[in-house]
PDB file of N, CA and C in Angstrom:
ATOM      1  N   MET A   1      52.635  90.128 163.653  1.00  0.00           N
ATOM      2  CA  MET A   1      52.221  89.559 162.398  1.00  0.00           C
ATOM      3  C   MET A   1      52.195  88.065 162.574  1.00  0.00           C
ATOM      4  N   HIS A   2      51.132  87.446 162.141  1.00  0.00           N
ATOM      5  CA  HIS A   2      50.991  86.010 162.332  1.00  0.00           C
ATOM      6  C   HIS A   2      50.253  85.397 161.156  1.00  0.00           C
ATOM      7  N   SER A   3      50.307  84.093 161.076  1.00  0.00           N
ATOM      8  CA  SER A   3      49.591  83.412 160.001  1.00  0.00           C
ATOM      9  C   SER A   3      48.093  83.469 160.284  1.00  0.00           C
ATOM     10  N   ASP A   4      47.308  83.294 159.257  1.00  0.00           N
ATOM     11  CA  ASP A   4      45.861  83.316 159.425  1.00  0.00           C
ATOM     12  C   ASP A   4      45.381  82.166 160.301  1.00  0.00           C
ATOM     13  N   ALA A   5      46.163  81.107 160.406  1.00  0.00           N
ATOM     14  CA  ALA A   5      45.764  79.936 161.172  1.00  0.00           C
ATOM     15  C   ALA A   5      46.100  80.054 162.660  1.00  0.00           C
ATOM     16  N   ALA A   6      46.791  81.128 163.059  1.00  0.00           N
ATOM     17  CA  ALA A   6      47.178  81.274 164.461  1.00  0.00           C
ATOM     18  C   ALA A   6      45.944  81.402 165.339  1.00  0.00           C
ATOM     19  N   ASP A   7      46.052  80.905 166.542  1.00  0.00           N
ATOM     20  CA  ASP A   7      44.898  80.919 167.436  1.00  0.00           C
ATOM     21  C   ASP A   7      44.823  82.218 168.237  1.00  0.00           C
ATOM     22  N   LYS A   8      43.881  82.306 169.148  1.00  0.00           N
ATOM     23  CA  LYS A   8      43.649  83.513 169.939  1.00  0.00           C
ATOM     24  C   LYS A   8      44.788  83.827 170.900  1.00  0.00           C
ATOM     25  N   SER A   9      45.731  82.908 171.089  1.00  0.00           N
ATOM     26  CA  SER A   9      46.861  83.196 171.966  1.00  0.00           C
ATOM     27  C   SER A   9      47.663  84.383 171.444  1.00  0.00           C
ATOM     28  N   VAL A  10      47.626  84.624 170.135  1.00  0.00           N
ATOM     29  CA  VAL A  10      48.315  85.770 169.554  1.00  0.00           C
ATOM     30  C   VAL A  10      47.703  87.056 170.096  1.00  0.00           C
ATOM     31  N   GLU A  11      46.383  87.131 170.145  1.00  0.00           N
ATOM     32  CA  GLU A  11      45.713  88.322 170.673  1.00  0.00           C
ATOM     33  C   GLU A  11      46.071  88.540 172.141  1.00  0.00           C
ATOM     34  N   ARG A  12      46.151  87.463 172.907  1.00  0.00           N
ATOM     35  CA  ARG A  12      46.531  87.586 174.319  1.00  0.00           C
ATOM     36  C   ARG A  12      47.959  88.098 174.439  1.00  0.00           C
ATOM     37  N   LEU A  13      48.848  87.617 173.588  1.00  0.00           N
ATOM     38  CA  LEU A  13      50.237  88.074 173.607  1.00  0.00           C
ATOM     39  C   LEU A  13      50.311  89.565 173.314  1.00  0.00           C
ATOM     40  N   VAL A  14      49.613  90.012 172.303  1.00  0.00           N
ATOM     41  CA  VAL A  14      49.627  91.426 171.925  1.00  0.00           C
ATOM     42  C   VAL A  14      49.094  92.289 173.060  1.00  0.00           C
ATOM     43  N   SER A  15      48.078  91.815 173.756  1.00  0.00           N
ATOM     44  CA  SER A  15      47.486  92.606 174.838  1.00  0.00           C
ATOM     45  C   SER A  15      48.487  92.878 175.953  1.00  0.00           C
ATOM     46  N   GLU A  16      49.508  92.052 176.079  1.00  0.00           N
ATOM     47  CA  GLU A  16      50.531  92.263 177.104  1.00  0.00           C
ATOM     48  C   GLU A  16      51.359  93.519 176.840  1.00  0.00           C
ATOM     49  N   PHE A  17      51.351  94.029 175.625  1.00  0.00           N
ATOM     50  CA  PHE A  17      52.117  95.217 175.289  1.00  0.00           C
ATOM     51  C   PHE A  17      51.328  96.502 175.454  1.00  0.00           C
ATOM     52  N   HIS A  18      50.078  96.406 175.800  1.00  0.00           N
ATOM     53  CA  HIS A  18      49.229  97.575 176.000  1.00  0.00           C
ATOM     54  C   HIS A  18      49.226  97.963 177.473  1.00  0.00           C
ATOM     55  N   SER A  19      49.175  99.247 177.735  1.00  0.00           N
ATOM     56  CA  SER A  19      49.135  99.741 179.106  1.00  0.00           C
ATOM     57  C   SER A  19      48.103 100.848 179.184  1.00  0.00           C
ATOM     58  N   GLN A  20      47.261 100.802 180.183  1.00  0.00           N
ATOM     59  CA  GLN A  20      46.268 101.854 180.375  1.00  0.00           C
ATOM     60  C   GLN A  20      46.848 103.029 181.166  1.00  0.00           C
ATOM     61  N   SER A  21      47.958 102.828 181.869  1.00  0.00           N
ATOM     62  CA  SER A  21      48.473 103.859 182.758  1.00  0.00           C
ATOM     63  C   SER A  21      49.805 104.462 182.316  1.00  0.00           C
ATOM     64  N   ASP A  22      50.382 104.005 181.256  1.00  0.00           N
ATOM     65  CA  ASP A  22      51.701 104.463 180.840  1.00  0.00           C
ATOM     66  C   ASP A  22      51.597 105.206 179.515  1.00  0.00           C
ATOM     67  N   GLU A  23      52.175 106.401 179.460  1.00  0.00           N
ATOM     68  CA  GLU A  23      52.128 107.179 178.220  1.00  0.00           C
ATOM     69  C   GLU A  23      53.011 106.593 177.133  1.00  0.00           C
ATOM     70  N   ARG A  24      53.947 105.725 177.500  1.00  0.00           N
ATOM     71  CA  ARG A  24      54.873 105.140 176.535  1.00  0.00           C
ATOM     72  C   ARG A  24      54.331 103.815 176.004  1.00  0.00           C
ATOM     73  N   VAL A  25      53.086 103.783 175.666  1.00  0.00           N
ATOM     74  CA  VAL A  25      52.457 102.560 175.180  1.00  0.00           C
ATOM     75  C   VAL A  25      53.070 102.168 173.847  1.00  0.00           C
ATOM     76  N   ILE A  26      53.414 100.919 173.741  1.00  0.00           N
ATOM     77  CA  ILE A  26      53.917 100.387 172.484  1.00  0.00           C
ATOM     78  C   ILE A  26      52.716 100.117 171.584  1.00  0.00           C
ATOM     79  N   LEU A  27      52.728 100.669 170.393  1.00  0.00           N
ATOM     80  CA  LEU A  27      51.654 100.418 169.454  1.00  0.00           C
ATOM     81  C   LEU A  27      51.788  98.998 168.942  1.00  0.00           C
ATOM     82  N   SER A  28      50.842  98.171 169.268  1.00  0.00           N
ATOM     83  CA  SER A  28      50.932  96.775 168.852  1.00  0.00           C
ATOM     84  C   SER A  28      49.562  96.282 168.427  1.00  0.00           C
ATOM     85  N   THR A  29      49.563  95.554 167.355  1.00  0.00           N
ATOM     86  CA  THR A  29      48.352  94.993 166.789  1.00  0.00           C
ATOM     87  C   THR A  29      48.690  93.641 166.194  1.00  0.00           C
ATOM     88  N   ALA A  30      47.829  92.678 166.410  1.00  0.00           N
ATOM     89  CA  ALA A  30      47.997  91.384 165.756  1.00  0.00           C
ATOM     90  C   ALA A  30      47.430  91.503 164.349  1.00  0.00           C
ATOM     91  N   VAL A  31      48.275  91.306 163.365  1.00  0.00           N
ATOM     92  CA  VAL A  31      47.864  91.447 161.964  1.00  0.00           C
ATOM     93  C   VAL A  31      48.004  90.086 161.286  1.00  0.00           C
ATOM     94  N   PRO A  32      46.915  89.550 160.749  1.00  0.00           N
ATOM     95  CA  PRO A  32      47.043  88.283 160.027  1.00  0.00           C
ATOM     96  C   PRO A  32      47.860  88.466 158.754  1.00  0.00           C
ATOM     97  N   GLU A  33      48.551  87.425 158.382  1.00  0.00           N
ATOM     98  CA  GLU A  33      49.429  87.458 157.216  1.00  0.00           C
ATOM     99  C   GLU A  33      48.700  87.939 155.960  1.00  0.00           C
ATOM    100  N   SER A  34      47.450  87.540 155.795  1.00  0.00           N
ATOM    101  CA  SER A  34      46.696  87.905 154.595  1.00  0.00           C
ATOM    102  C   SER A  34      46.403  89.403 154.520  1.00  0.00           C
ATOM    103  N   ALA A  35      46.468  90.116 155.638  1.00  0.00           N
ATOM    104  CA  ALA A  35      46.170  91.550 155.660  1.00  0.00           C
ATOM    105  C   ALA A  35      47.419  92.416 155.727  1.00  0.00           C
ATOM    106  N   LEU A  36      48.583  91.815 155.649  1.00  0.00           N
ATOM    107  CA  LEU A  36      49.825  92.541 155.860  1.00  0.00           C
ATOM    108  C   LEU A  36      50.016  93.689 154.880  1.00  0.00           C
ATOM    109  N   LYS A  37      49.666  93.508 153.624  1.00  0.00           N
ATOM    110  CA  LYS A  37      49.862  94.566 152.628  1.00  0.00           C
ATOM    111  C   LYS A  37      49.175  95.861 153.042  1.00  0.00           C
ATOM    112  N   ASP A  38      48.050  95.745 153.757  1.00  0.00           N
ATOM    113  CA  ASP A  38      47.303  96.921 154.179  1.00  0.00           C
ATOM    114  C   ASP A  38      47.925  97.617 155.393  1.00  0.00           C
ATOM    115  N   PHE A  39      48.805  96.929 156.117  1.00  0.00           N
ATOM    116  CA  PHE A  39      49.351  97.460 157.364  1.00  0.00           C
ATOM    117  C   PHE A  39      50.850  97.721 157.345  1.00  0.00           C
ATOM    118  N   ILE A  40      51.568  97.142 156.423  1.00  0.00           N
ATOM    119  CA  ILE A  40      53.030  97.128 156.471  1.00  0.00           C
ATOM    120  C   ILE A  40      53.643  98.525 156.579  1.00  0.00           C
ATOM    121  N   ASN A  41      53.069  99.495 155.919  1.00  0.00           N
ATOM    122  CA  ASN A  41      53.639 100.842 155.938  1.00  0.00           C
ATOM    123  C   ASN A  41      53.306 101.621 157.205  1.00  0.00           C
ATOM    124  N   SER A  42      52.473 101.051 158.066  1.00  0.00           N
ATOM    125  CA  SER A  42      52.071 101.729 159.303  1.00  0.00           C
ATOM    126  C   SER A  42      52.993 101.435 160.474  1.00  0.00           C
ATOM    127  N   TYR A  43      53.908 100.502 160.311  1.00  0.00           N
ATOM    128  CA  TYR A  43      54.734 100.072 161.428  1.00  0.00           C
ATOM    129  C   TYR A  43      56.212 100.121 161.093  1.00  0.00           C
ATOM    130  N   ASP A  44      57.028 100.357 162.113  1.00  0.00           N
ATOM    131  CA  ASP A  44      58.479 100.359 161.955  1.00  0.00           C
ATOM    132  C   ASP A  44      59.060  98.968 162.134  1.00  0.00           C
ATOM    133  N   VAL A  45      58.363  98.130 162.918  1.00  0.00           N
ATOM    134  CA  VAL A  45      58.868  96.799 163.251  1.00  0.00           C
ATOM    135  C   VAL A  45      57.733  95.788 163.161  1.00  0.00           C
ATOM    136  N   LEU A  46      58.033  94.632 162.591  1.00  0.00           N
ATOM    137  CA  LEU A  46      57.102  93.500 162.585  1.00  0.00           C
ATOM    138  C   LEU A  46      57.722  92.372 163.395  1.00  0.00           C
ATOM    139  N   TYR A  47      56.950  91.834 164.321  1.00  0.00           N
ATOM    140  CA  TYR A  47      57.375  90.643 165.051  1.00  0.00           C
ATOM    141  C   TYR A  47      56.671  89.464 164.396  1.00  0.00           C
ATOM    142  N   LEU A  48      57.439  88.567 163.813  1.00  0.00           N
ATOM    143  CA  LEU A  48      56.870  87.432 163.088  1.00  0.00           C
ATOM    144  C   LEU A  48      56.595  86.292 164.050  1.00  0.00           C
ATOM    145  N   LEU A  49      55.345  85.879 164.098  1.00  0.00           N
ATOM    146  CA  LEU A  49      54.922  84.824 164.996  1.00  0.00           C
ATOM    147  C   LEU A  49      54.042  83.848 164.215  1.00  0.00           C
ATOM    148  N   LYS A  50      54.491  82.612 164.097  1.00  0.00           N
ATOM    149  CA  LYS A  50      53.716  81.575 163.403  1.00  0.00           C
ATOM    150  C   LYS A  50      53.366  81.994 161.979  1.00  0.00           C
ATOM    151  N   VAL A  51      54.366  82.401 161.229  1.00  0.00           N
ATOM    152  CA  VAL A  51      54.150  82.877 159.859  1.00  0.00           C
ATOM    153  C   VAL A  51      54.149  81.706 158.897  1.00  0.00           C
ATOM    154  N   GLY A  52      53.169  81.666 158.010  1.00  0.00           N
ATOM    155  CA  GLY A  52      53.055  80.580 157.043  1.00  0.00           C
ATOM    156  C   GLY A  52      54.022  80.711 155.880  1.00  0.00           C
ATOM    157  N   ASN A  53      54.207  81.935 155.377  1.00  0.00           N
ATOM    158  CA  ASN A  53      55.084  82.165 154.231  1.00  0.00           C
ATOM    159  C   ASN A  53      56.062  83.292 154.560  1.00  0.00           C
ATOM    160  N   PRO A  54      57.139  82.996 155.298  1.00  0.00           N
ATOM    161  CA  PRO A  54      58.045  84.054 155.734  1.00  0.00           C
ATOM    162  C   PRO A  54      58.732  84.803 154.593  1.00  0.00           C
ATOM    163  N   GLN A  55      58.960  84.157 153.454  1.00  0.00           N
ATOM    164  CA  GLN A  55      59.621  84.851 152.349  1.00  0.00           C
ATOM    165  C   GLN A  55      58.742  85.966 151.788  1.00  0.00           C
ATOM    166  N   SER A  56      57.443  85.726 151.623  1.00  0.00           N
ATOM    167  CA  SER A  56      56.570  86.781 151.095  1.00  0.00           C
ATOM    168  C   SER A  56      56.437  87.926 152.097  1.00  0.00           C
ATOM    169  N   VAL A  57      56.423  87.607 153.385  1.00  0.00           N
ATOM    170  CA  VAL A  57      56.388  88.645 154.417  1.00  0.00           C
ATOM    171  C   VAL A  57      57.665  89.470 154.366  1.00  0.00           C
ATOM    172  N   HIS A  58      58.801  88.781 154.221  1.00  0.00           N
ATOM    173  CA  HIS A  58      60.076  89.498 154.162  1.00  0.00           C
ATOM    174  C   HIS A  58      60.161  90.366 152.911  1.00  0.00           C
ATOM    175  N   ASP A  59      59.656  89.896 151.807  1.00  0.00           N
ATOM    176  CA  ASP A  59      59.648  90.711 150.592  1.00  0.00           C
ATOM    177  C   ASP A  59      58.896  92.019 150.813  1.00  0.00           C
ATOM    178  N   LEU A  60      57.739  91.940 151.469  1.00  0.00           N
ATOM    179  CA  LEU A  60      56.956  93.146 151.765  1.00  0.00           C
ATOM    180  C   LEU A  60      57.694  94.056 152.744  1.00  0.00           C
ATOM    181  N   SER A  61      58.339  93.473 153.744  1.00  0.00           N
ATOM    182  CA  SER A  61      59.055  94.290 154.728  1.00  0.00           C
ATOM    183  C   SER A  61      60.240  95.009 154.074  1.00  0.00           C
ATOM    184  N   CYS A  62      60.883  94.372 153.124  1.00  0.00           N
ATOM    185  CA  CYS A  62      61.989  95.019 152.404  1.00  0.00           C
ATOM    186  C   CYS A  62      61.489  96.196 151.585  1.00  0.00           C
ATOM    187  N   GLN A  63      60.359  96.014 150.923  1.00  0.00           N
ATOM    188  CA  GLN A  63      59.782  97.105 150.138  1.00  0.00           C
ATOM    189  C   GLN A  63      59.410  98.291 151.017  1.00  0.00           C
ATOM    190  N   ALA A  64      58.901  98.015 152.217  1.00  0.00           N
ATOM    191  CA  ALA A  64      58.432  99.072 153.118  1.00  0.00           C
ATOM    192  C   ALA A  64      59.536  99.607 154.028  1.00  0.00           C
ATOM    193  N   GLY A  65      60.666  98.912 154.109  1.00  0.00           N
ATOM    194  CA  GLY A  65      61.718  99.317 155.037  1.00  0.00           C
ATOM    195  C   GLY A  65      61.347  99.050 156.481  1.00  0.00           C
ATOM    196  N   THR A  66      60.590  97.996 156.709  1.00  0.00           N
ATOM    197  CA  THR A  66      60.120  97.620 158.040  1.00  0.00           C
ATOM    198  C   THR A  66      61.020  96.531 158.603  1.00  0.00           C
ATOM    199  N   LEU A  67      61.543  96.733 159.798  1.00  0.00           N
ATOM    200  CA  LEU A  67      62.410  95.765 160.454  1.00  0.00           C
ATOM    201  C   LEU A  67      61.595  94.545 160.877  1.00  0.00           C
ATOM    202  N   THR A  68      62.108  93.351 160.582  1.00  0.00           N
ATOM    203  CA  THR A  68      61.448  92.115 161.007  1.00  0.00           C
ATOM    204  C   THR A  68      62.249  91.454 162.114  1.00  0.00           C
ATOM    205  N   ILE A  69      61.546  91.076 163.178  1.00  0.00           N
ATOM    206  CA  ILE A  69      62.160  90.331 164.265  1.00  0.00           C
ATOM    207  C   ILE A  69      61.317  89.097 164.541  1.00  0.00           C
ATOM    208  N   THR A  70      61.922  88.107 165.148  1.00  0.00           N
ATOM    209  CA  THR A  70      61.235  86.854 165.406  1.00  0.00           C
ATOM    210  C   THR A  70      61.855  86.185 166.625  1.00  0.00           C
ATOM    211  N   ASN A  71      61.343  85.022 166.954  1.00  0.00           N
ATOM    212  CA  ASN A  71      61.896  84.256 168.071  1.00  0.00           C
ATOM    213  C   ASN A  71      62.527  82.955 167.592  1.00  0.00           C
ATOM    214  N   THR A  72      62.926  82.915 166.316  1.00  0.00           N
ATOM    215  CA  THR A  72      63.449  81.685 165.728  1.00  0.00           C
ATOM    216  C   THR A  72      64.755  81.961 164.994  1.00  0.00           C
ATOM    217  N   GLU A  73      65.837  81.357 165.459  1.00  0.00           N
ATOM    218  CA  GLU A  73      67.136  81.547 164.822  1.00  0.00           C
ATOM    219  C   GLU A  73      67.110  81.116 163.359  1.00  0.00           C
ATOM    220  N   ALA A  74      66.459  79.998 163.059  1.00  0.00           N
ATOM    221  CA  ALA A  74      66.460  79.472 161.689  1.00  0.00           C
ATOM    222  C   ALA A  74      65.857  80.458 160.695  1.00  0.00           C
ATOM    223  N   VAL A  75      64.836  81.185 161.098  1.00  0.00           N
ATOM    224  CA  VAL A  75      64.203  82.169 160.206  1.00  0.00           C
ATOM    225  C   VAL A  75      65.191  83.290 159.881  1.00  0.00           C
ATOM    226  N   VAL A  76      65.971  83.695 160.871  1.00  0.00           N
ATOM    227  CA  VAL A  76      67.001  84.713 160.652  1.00  0.00           C
ATOM    228  C   VAL A  76      68.121  84.155 159.776  1.00  0.00           C
ATOM    229  N   LYS A  77      68.555  82.955 160.076  1.00  0.00           N
ATOM    230  CA  LYS A  77      69.635  82.331 159.308  1.00  0.00           C
ATOM    231  C   LYS A  77      69.270  82.228 157.822  1.00  0.00           C
ATOM    232  N   LEU A  78      68.005  81.915 157.533  1.00  0.00           N
ATOM    233  CA  LEU A  78      67.536  81.820 156.149  1.00  0.00           C
ATOM    234  C   LEU A  78      67.329  83.185 155.495  1.00  0.00           C
ATOM    235  N   GLY A  79      67.370  84.255 156.291  1.00  0.00           N
ATOM    236  CA  GLY A  79      67.180  85.595 155.746  1.00  0.00           C
ATOM    237  C   GLY A  79      65.741  86.010 155.613  1.00  0.00           C
ATOM    238  N   HIS A  80      64.821  85.316 156.275  1.00  0.00           N
ATOM    239  CA  HIS A  80      63.400  85.673 156.221  1.00  0.00           C
ATOM    240  C   HIS A  80      63.018  86.683 157.293  1.00  0.00           C
ATOM    241  N   ALA A  81      63.934  86.991 158.203  1.00  0.00           N
ATOM    242  CA  ALA A  81      63.771  88.031 159.215  1.00  0.00           C
ATOM    243  C   ALA A  81      65.165  88.566 159.524  1.00  0.00           C
ATOM    244  N   THR A  82      65.223  89.777 160.046  1.00  0.00           N
ATOM    245  CA  THR A  82      66.520  90.399 160.298  1.00  0.00           C
ATOM    246  C   THR A  82      67.101  90.032 161.650  1.00  0.00           C
ATOM    247  N   ALA A  83      66.282  89.956 162.677  1.00  0.00           N
ATOM    248  CA  ALA A  83      66.826  89.726 164.012  1.00  0.00           C
ATOM    249  C   ALA A  83      65.950  88.790 164.822  1.00  0.00           C
ATOM    250  N   ALA A  84      66.598  88.098 165.749  1.00  0.00           N
ATOM    251  CA  ALA A  84      65.895  87.247 166.710  1.00  0.00           C
ATOM    252  C   ALA A  84      66.587  87.383 168.048  1.00  0.00           C
ATOM    253  N   VAL A  85      65.791  87.370 169.090  1.00  0.00           N
ATOM    254  CA  VAL A  85      66.314  87.307 170.451  1.00  0.00           C
ATOM    255  C   VAL A  85      65.624  86.123 171.102  1.00  0.00           C
ATOM    256  N   ILE A  86      66.419  85.161 171.526  1.00  0.00           N
ATOM    257  CA  ILE A  86      65.864  83.967 172.160  1.00  0.00           C
ATOM    258  C   ILE A  86      66.679  83.646 173.408  1.00  0.00           C
ATOM    259  N   PHE A  87      66.114  82.822 174.252  1.00  0.00           N
ATOM    260  CA  PHE A  87      66.846  82.338 175.415  1.00  0.00           C
ATOM    261  C   PHE A  87      67.344  80.939 175.121  1.00  0.00           C
ATOM    262  N   LYS A  88      68.644  80.746 175.307  1.00  0.00           N
ATOM    263  CA  LYS A  88      69.273  79.462 175.066  1.00  0.00           C
ATOM    264  C   LYS A  88      70.097  79.125 176.307  1.00  0.00           C
ATOM    265  N   ASP A  89      69.776  78.023 176.937  1.00  0.00           N
ATOM    266  CA  ASP A  89      70.441  77.633 178.182  1.00  0.00           C
ATOM    267  C   ASP A  89      70.358  78.739 179.231  1.00  0.00           C
ATOM    268  N   GLY A  90      69.204  79.427 179.267  1.00  0.00           N
ATOM    269  CA  GLY A  90      68.980  80.468 180.267  1.00  0.00           C
ATOM    270  C   GLY A  90      69.618  81.806 179.969  1.00  0.00           C
ATOM    271  N   LYS A  91      70.258  81.945 178.803  1.00  0.00           N
ATOM    272  CA  LYS A  91      70.919  83.195 178.443  1.00  0.00           C
ATOM    273  C   LYS A  91      70.288  83.767 177.174  1.00  0.00           C
ATOM    274  N   PRO A  92      70.157  85.099 177.112  1.00  0.00           N
ATOM    275  CA  PRO A  92      69.631  85.694 175.883  1.00  0.00           C
ATOM    276  C   PRO A  92      70.653  85.592 174.753  1.00  0.00           C
ATOM    277  N   MET A  93      70.185  85.220 173.596  1.00  0.00           N
ATOM    278  CA  MET A  93      71.025  85.140 172.400  1.00  0.00           C
ATOM    279  C   MET A  93      70.419  86.057 171.339  1.00  0.00           C
ATOM    280  N   ILE A  94      71.268  86.806 170.652  1.00  0.00           N
ATOM    281  CA  ILE A  94      70.836  87.717 169.599  1.00  0.00           C
ATOM    282  C   ILE A  94      71.388  87.199 168.281  1.00  0.00           C
ATOM    283  N   TYR A  95      70.527  87.139 167.279  1.00  0.00           N
ATOM    284  CA  TYR A  95      70.919  86.713 165.938  1.00  0.00           C
ATOM    285  C   TYR A  95      70.536  87.824 164.964  1.00  0.00           C
ATOM    286  N   ILE A  96      71.432  88.167 164.066  1.00  0.00           N
ATOM    287  CA  ILE A  96      71.175  89.209 163.073  1.00  0.00           C
ATOM    288  C   ILE A  96      71.630  88.717 161.711  1.00  0.00           C
ATOM    289  N   ASN A  97      70.771  88.895 160.717  1.00  0.00           N
ATOM    290  CA  ASN A  97      71.126  88.580 159.341  1.00  0.00           C
ATOM    291  C   ASN A  97      71.475  89.892 158.658  1.00  0.00           C
ATOM    292  N   ARG A  98      72.737  90.070 158.323  1.00  0.00           N
ATOM    293  CA  ARG A  98      73.219  91.341 157.758  1.00  0.00           C
ATOM    294  C   ARG A  98      72.636  91.632 156.381  1.00  0.00           C
ATOM    295  N   ASN A  99      72.443  90.605 155.550  1.00  0.00           N
ATOM    296  CA  ASN A  99      71.838  90.826 154.229  1.00  0.00           C
ATOM    297  C   ASN A  99      70.396  91.303 154.372  1.00  0.00           C
ATOM    298  N   SER A 100      69.665  90.686 155.268  1.00  0.00           N
ATOM    299  CA  SER A 100      68.285  91.090 155.515  1.00  0.00           C
ATOM    300  C   SER A 100      68.233  92.497 156.092  1.00  0.00           C
ATOM    301  N   GLU A 101      69.157  92.790 156.972  1.00  0.00           N
ATOM    302  CA  GLU A 101      69.251  94.122 157.573  1.00  0.00           C
ATOM    303  C   GLU A 101      69.385  95.201 156.494  1.00  0.00           C
ATOM    304  N   ARG A 102      70.274  94.968 155.553  1.00  0.00           N
ATOM    305  CA  ARG A 102      70.474  95.928 154.457  1.00  0.00           C
ATOM    306  C   ARG A 102      69.247  95.989 153.551  1.00  0.00           C
ATOM    307  N   ALA A 103      68.637  94.847 153.266  1.00  0.00           N
ATOM    308  CA  ALA A 103      67.464  94.815 152.387  1.00  0.00           C
ATOM    309  C   ALA A 103      66.288  95.584 152.991  1.00  0.00           C
ATOM    310  N   GLU A 104      66.197  95.578 154.328  1.00  0.00           N
ATOM    311  CA  GLU A 104      65.125  96.314 155.001  1.00  0.00           C
ATOM    312  C   GLU A 104      65.529  97.764 155.297  1.00  0.00           C
ATOM    313  N   ARG A 105      66.707  98.143 154.803  1.00  0.00           N
ATOM    314  CA  ARG A 105      67.228  99.502 154.969  1.00  0.00           C
ATOM    315  C   ARG A 105      67.377  99.876 156.444  1.00  0.00           C
ATOM    316  N   ARG A 106      67.927  98.937 157.199  1.00  0.00           N
ATOM    317  CA  ARG A 106      68.195  99.125 158.634  1.00  0.00           C
ATOM    318  C   ARG A 106      69.680  98.940 158.873  1.00  0.00           C
ATOM    319  N   GLU A 107      70.142  99.407 160.025  1.00  0.00           N
ATOM    320  CA  GLU A 107      71.553  99.215 160.339  1.00  0.00           C
ATOM    321  C   GLU A 107      71.732  99.153 161.857  1.00  0.00           C
ATOM    322  N   PHE A 108      72.380  98.082 162.300  1.00  0.00           N
ATOM    323  CA  PHE A 108      72.725  97.938 163.707  1.00  0.00           C
ATOM    324  C   PHE A 108      74.158  98.422 163.892  1.00  0.00           C
ATOM    325  N   TYR A 109      74.423  99.045 165.032  1.00  0.00           N
ATOM    326  CA  TYR A 109      75.741  99.600 165.312  1.00  0.00           C
ATOM    327  C   TYR A 109      76.290  99.058 166.620  1.00  0.00           C
ATOM    328  N   GLY A 110      77.589  99.227 166.787  1.00  0.00           N
ATOM    329  CA  GLY A 110      78.254  99.089 168.058  1.00  0.00           C
ATOM    330  C   GLY A 110      78.178  97.747 168.740  1.00  0.00           C
ATOM    331  N   GLU A 111      77.936  97.825 170.030  1.00  0.00           N
ATOM    332  CA  GLU A 111      78.056  96.663 170.890  1.00  0.00           C
ATOM    333  C   GLU A 111      77.093  95.539 170.527  1.00  0.00           C
ATOM    334  N   ILE A 112      75.929  95.864 170.017  1.00  0.00           N
ATOM    335  CA  ILE A 112      74.985  94.794 169.662  1.00  0.00           C
ATOM    336  C   ILE A 112      75.591  93.847 168.632  1.00  0.00           C
ATOM    337  N   LEU A 113      76.422  94.386 167.736  1.00  0.00           N
ATOM    338  CA  LEU A 113      77.052  93.541 166.722  1.00  0.00           C
ATOM    339  C   LEU A 113      78.110  92.620 167.334  1.00  0.00           C
ATOM    340  N   THR A 114      78.735  93.039 168.413  1.00  0.00           N
ATOM    341  CA  THR A 114      79.724  92.176 169.059  1.00  0.00           C
ATOM    342  C   THR A 114      79.039  91.122 169.925  1.00  0.00           C
ATOM    343  N   LEU A 115      77.822  91.387 170.362  1.00  0.00           N
ATOM    344  CA  LEU A 115      77.071  90.437 171.187  1.00  0.00           C
ATOM    345  C   LEU A 115      76.297  89.424 170.361  1.00  0.00           C
ATOM    346  N   ALA A 116      75.992  89.779 169.128  1.00  0.00           N
ATOM    347  CA  ALA A 116      75.120  88.943 168.291  1.00  0.00           C
ATOM    348  C   ALA A 116      75.899  87.941 167.458  1.00  0.00           C
ATOM    349  N   LYS A 117      75.223  86.858 167.123  1.00  0.00           N
ATOM    350  CA  LYS A 117      75.738  85.947 166.099  1.00  0.00           C
ATOM    351  C   LYS A 117      75.240  86.496 164.776  1.00  0.00           C
ATOM    352  N   LEU A 118      76.147  86.714 163.855  1.00  0.00           N
ATOM    353  CA  LEU A 118      75.811  87.360 162.587  1.00  0.00           C
ATOM    354  C   LEU A 118      75.755  86.336 161.459  1.00  0.00           C
ATOM    355  N   TYR A 119      74.755  86.513 160.604  1.00  0.00           N
ATOM    356  CA  TYR A 119      74.632  85.709 159.384  1.00  0.00           C
ATOM    357  C   TYR A 119      74.675  86.654 158.205  1.00  0.00           C
ATOM    358  N   ASP A 120      75.284  86.193 157.093  1.00  0.00           N
ATOM    359  CA  ASP A 120      75.307  86.982 155.848  1.00  0.00           C
ATOM    360  C   ASP A 120      74.550  86.245 154.774  1.00  0.00           C
TER     361      ASP A 120
END
C-alpha cells in the first residue's frame, strides 16, 4: 500500500515478491492509497510504504482486521501501524504497537514479544 504520489519504484519492489517457479508465491500487489477501500478486505497484511495519510489507512485496517506493517518505527510508535522490522546498526529491530495490534484484531505471542520493543 502506498500513497498515490509514490513512483514506479513501488512496482519494482512488489515484483521482487513474485516467483514464476515457486508454488509458495506471496500474493502481493501495489495498491494506491486512494484505492485501498476496494482492496482492504482481500488481504491479511498491508505493508505501508510512503503513505500520505497513515491514520485513515489504519482506520480501514482496523475495520477489516488487516495487519499493518511498515519500515518506520515512528509510524508504529504513533499507532498508525502495528509492526515494523528495520535494521539499526546492522541488526534487525522489531517494533510492535500493542494498542494497534488489538484494534486490528491480531495477537503476537511468545518469543517475538521478548525480542520486540513494545509500544502501548
